[in-house]
Amino acid sequence: MKIVAFKTGKPKSFNYRPLFYDKKKEEMEERLKRYTKPEEVESERLKLKIRESWRRRDNSNRQTSQRTFYIYIIAAILLLYFIFFR
């Protein structure tokens, strides 16, 4: 007679489907989409333009915040210098 404190279940299985990238197929689908539905291509172009402008704005904000950070560090160092070495 076997006594088991905890019931062990079966191992869970998963469905693994490997993905393959076919560069020629992707290019062909892009060309087909470009020539069949030009209004969608225009909307994609607009999305890319908006995304690029946001990226540029984000980079300029990041540079401004880095500059502000460096100014605060320099001010803190100067303050510590005047407090301890004067």
Protein backbone atom coordinates (compact mmCIF):
# COMPACT_ATOMS: atom_id res chain seq x y z
CA MET A 1 0.00 0.00 0.00
CA LYS A 2 1.44 3.34 -1.09
CA ILE A 3 0.74 6.57 0.83
CA VAL A 4 1.25 9.83 -1.08
CA ALA A 5 1.02 13.19 0.72
CA PHE A 6 0.82 15.34 -2.41
CA LYS A 7 -0.67 14.44 -5.75
CA THR A 8 1.70 15.10 -8.61
CA GLY A 9 0.12 16.02 -11.89
CA LYS A 10 1.21 15.30 -15.40
CA PRO A 11 3.84 17.57 -16.91
CA LYS A 12 2.34 20.39 -18.94
CA SER A 13 2.92 20.24 -22.64
CA PHE A 14 3.27 23.22 -24.94
CA ASN A 15 2.91 23.80 -28.64
CA TYR A 16 6.14 25.02 -30.15
CA ARG A 17 5.90 26.32 -33.68
CA PRO A 18 9.23 27.57 -35.01
CA LEU A 19 9.00 30.82 -36.96
CA PHE A 20 10.93 31.28 -40.17
CA TYR A 21 11.81 34.56 -41.81
CA ASP A 22 11.68 34.65 -45.58
CA LYS A 23 13.13 37.93 -46.82
CA LYS A 24 11.93 37.48 -50.40
CA LYS A 25 8.40 36.73 -49.27
CA GLU A 26 8.35 39.79 -47.00
CA GLU A 27 9.57 42.03 -49.83
CA MET A 28 7.01 40.59 -52.23
CA GLU A 29 4.17 41.14 -49.74
CA GLU A 30 5.34 44.72 -49.18
CA ARG A 31 5.35 45.44 -52.93
CA LEU A 32 1.96 43.81 -53.36
CA LYS A 33 0.50 45.85 -50.52
CA ARG A 34 2.02 49.03 -51.94
CA TYR A 35 0.44 48.55 -55.36
CA THR A 36 -2.92 47.15 -54.32
CA LYS A 37 -3.90 49.61 -51.57
CA PRO A 38 -2.08 52.94 -51.91
CA GLU A 39 -4.23 54.66 -49.26
CA GLU A 40 -3.00 52.18 -46.64
CA VAL A 41 0.57 52.79 -47.72
CA GLU A 42 -0.02 56.52 -47.31
CA SER A 43 -1.37 55.98 -43.82
CA GLU A 44 1.68 53.83 -43.00
CA ARG A 45 3.93 56.60 -44.29
CA LEU A 46 2.09 59.09 -42.08
CA LYS A 47 2.47 56.79 -39.06
CA LEU A 48 6.20 56.51 -39.70
CA LYS A 49 6.52 60.28 -40.02
CA ILE A 50 4.68 60.84 -36.73
CA ARG A 51 6.75 58.17 -34.98
CA GLU A 52 9.97 59.77 -36.25
CA SER A 53 8.92 63.22 -35.03
CA TRP A 54 8.11 61.76 -31.59
CA ARG A 55 11.50 60.06 -31.51
CA ARG A 56 13.25 63.34 -32.33
CA ARG A 57 11.26 65.15 -29.64
CA ASP A 58 12.07 62.41 -27.14
CA ASN A 59 15.79 62.69 -27.93
CA SER A 60 15.74 66.46 -27.44
CA ASN A 61 13.89 66.04 -24.11
CA ARG A 62 16.44 63.44 -23.04
CA GLN A 63 19.32 65.78 -23.89
CA THR A 64 17.67 68.59 -21.92
CA SER A 65 17.15 66.36 -18.90
CA GLN A 66 20.77 65.17 -19.05
CA ARG A 67 21.96 68.77 -19.21
CA THR A 68 19.81 69.65 -16.18
CA PHE A 69 21.17 66.64 -14.30
CA TYR A 70 24.76 67.73 -14.94
CA ILE A 71 23.99 71.27 -13.78
CA TYR A 72 22.54 69.92 -10.52
CA ILE A 73 25.60 67.70 -9.97
CA ILE A 74 27.97 70.63 -10.53
CA ALA A 75 25.92 72.84 -8.19
CA ALA A 76 25.97 70.14 -5.49
CA ILE A 77 29.74 69.71 -5.81
CA LEU A 78 30.29 73.47 -5.57
CA LEU A 79 28.01 73.67 -2.54
CA LEU A 80 29.89 70.85 -0.81
CA TYR A 81 33.19 72.51 -1.65
CA PHE A 82 32.12 75.83 -0.10
CA ILE A 83 30.69 74.11 2.98
CA PHE A 84 33.66 71.86 3.79
CA PHE A 85 36.71 73.65 2.39
CA ARG A 86 36.02 77.29 3.24
